[in-house]
Amino acid sequence: MLFALAGFITGCAGGGHVIRVVDASSGKPVAGATVSLVYPSVTSTPYLTDERGLAHIDERGFGKPGDALTVQVFKPGYASNAFGMWGVVKHRLEVRLQPAATP
C-alpha cells in the first residue's frame, strides 16, 4: 500500500476540518473518494470528497485531542490507504492516492 501524506487539514466553517485527496501522479483533486476516521471503539460516518477533492469533517469526526485514530481513504481505481495518527496536532492533511496497479 503506497501513499504520500503531507499537511493539509484546515479549519472550515463551523469549526470542522477538511481533508484534501489528490492523485499522486497528476496532483489533481480526487472527487468521490470515501474518507473514514477509525478510532479503537468507533468508525465515523464516511465522508465523500467533492469536486475539489475536499472532505468536510465536522468537529465530532475528529474526537478529542490525543485520541489515536486511523484515517482510511478509498476510491475505485486507486490503491486503498490507511494510516494512523495520534491526536490532532496538525491542522492540515493532504492524502495522495496512487493509481491502482493494473494486472
Protein backbone atom coordinates (compact mmCIF):
# COMPACT_ATOMS: atom_id res chain seq x y z
CA MET A 1 0.00 0.00 0.00
CA LEU A 2 1.65 3.21 -1.17
CA PHE A 3 0.61 6.66 -0.14
CA ALA A 4 2.07 10.06 0.47
CA LEU A 5 0.95 12.28 3.28
CA ALA A 6 1.52 15.98 3.60
CA GLY A 7 -0.02 18.51 5.92
CA PHE A 8 -3.45 19.85 4.83
CA ILE A 9 -6.25 19.53 7.41
CA THR A 10 -7.68 23.03 7.51
CA GLY A 11 -10.41 24.50 9.64
CA CYS A 12 -13.72 25.07 7.89
CA ALA A 13 -16.91 26.90 8.72
CA GLY A 14 -18.44 25.67 11.96
CA GLY A 15 -15.13 24.60 13.47
CA GLY A 16 -14.63 21.39 11.48
CA HIS A 17 -11.71 20.22 9.35
CA VAL A 18 -11.07 19.48 5.70
CA ILE A 19 -9.04 16.57 4.31
CA ARG A 20 -7.84 17.05 0.73
CA VAL A 21 -7.39 13.98 -1.50
CA VAL A 22 -5.34 14.26 -4.70
CA ASP A 23 -4.00 11.95 -7.41
CA ALA A 24 -0.33 11.26 -6.57
CA SER A 25 0.68 11.23 -10.23
CA SER A 26 -1.10 14.34 -11.50
CA GLY A 27 -1.74 16.32 -8.31
CA LYS A 28 -5.37 16.78 -9.42
CA PRO A 29 -8.22 16.53 -6.89
CA VAL A 30 -9.91 13.14 -6.48
CA ALA A 31 -13.69 13.57 -6.31
CA GLY A 32 -15.88 10.85 -4.81
CA ALA A 33 -13.22 9.31 -2.54
CA THR A 34 -14.52 7.88 0.74
CA VAL A 35 -12.76 9.14 3.88
CA SER A 36 -13.39 7.39 7.21
CA LEU A 37 -11.92 8.10 10.62
CA VAL A 38 -11.48 4.94 12.71
CA TYR A 39 -11.00 5.07 16.46
CA PRO A 40 -10.42 2.00 18.66
CA SER A 41 -14.11 1.93 19.64
CA VAL A 42 -15.95 3.53 16.70
CA THR A 43 -15.74 4.36 13.00
CA SER A 44 -17.05 7.70 11.79
CA THR A 45 -19.74 8.09 9.19
CA PRO A 46 -17.92 8.04 5.83
CA TYR A 47 -17.26 11.42 4.26
CA LEU A 48 -17.06 11.88 0.47
CA THR A 49 -14.69 14.25 -1.28
CA ASP A 50 -16.23 16.91 -3.50
CA GLU A 51 -15.11 18.01 -6.99
CA ARG A 52 -12.16 19.83 -5.37
CA GLY A 53 -11.06 16.65 -3.56
CA LEU A 54 -12.18 18.01 -0.19
CA ALA A 55 -13.92 16.02 2.56
CA HIS A 56 -15.54 18.27 5.17
CA ILE A 57 -15.22 16.71 8.63
CA ASP A 58 -17.21 18.23 11.47
CA GLU A 59 -15.69 18.71 14.94
CA ARG A 60 -17.17 15.42 16.19
CA GLY A 61 -15.43 13.50 13.41
CA PHE A 62 -12.00 14.06 14.95
CA GLY A 63 -12.72 13.10 18.53
CA LYS A 64 -10.65 14.55 21.36
CA PRO A 65 -7.06 15.80 21.15
CA GLY A 66 -4.74 12.94 22.00
CA ASP A 67 -7.05 10.21 20.66
CA ALA A 68 -5.42 7.63 18.41
CA LEU A 69 -7.15 7.25 15.07
CA THR A 70 -6.71 5.73 11.64
CA VAL A 71 -7.65 7.68 8.52
CA GLN A 72 -8.88 5.42 5.71
CA VAL A 73 -9.28 6.66 2.12
CA PHE A 74 -10.81 4.58 -0.68
CA LYS A 75 -11.62 5.30 -4.32
CA PRO A 76 -12.07 2.67 -7.07
CA GLY A 77 -9.12 2.81 -9.46
CA TYR A 78 -6.69 3.79 -6.67
CA ALA A 79 -4.72 1.84 -4.08
CA SER A 80 -6.54 1.99 -0.72
CA ASN A 81 -4.83 3.93 2.02
CA ALA A 82 -4.94 3.74 5.78
CA PHE A 83 -2.59 5.50 8.14
CA GLY A 84 -2.50 6.10 11.85
CA MET A 85 -2.45 9.43 13.61
CA TRP A 86 -2.14 10.23 17.29
CA GLY A 87 -4.20 13.21 18.29
CA VAL A 88 -5.00 16.15 16.08
CA VAL A 89 -1.88 18.23 16.33
CA LYS A 90 -1.60 19.48 12.77
CA HIS A 91 -4.50 21.29 11.18
CA ARG A 92 -3.57 20.34 7.63
CA LEU A 93 -3.74 16.97 5.88
CA GLU A 94 -3.40 16.06 2.22
CA VAL A 95 -3.70 12.45 1.09
CA ARG A 96 -2.12 11.49 -2.23
CA LEU A 97 -3.68 8.38 -3.75
CA GLN A 98 -1.60 6.18 -6.01
CA PRO A 99 -3.38 4.80 -9.09
CA ALA A 100 -4.09 1.08 -8.66
CA ALA A 101 -1.71 -1.31 -10.39
CA THR A 102 -3.20 -2.87 -13.50
CA PRO A 103 -2.78 -6.64 -13.93
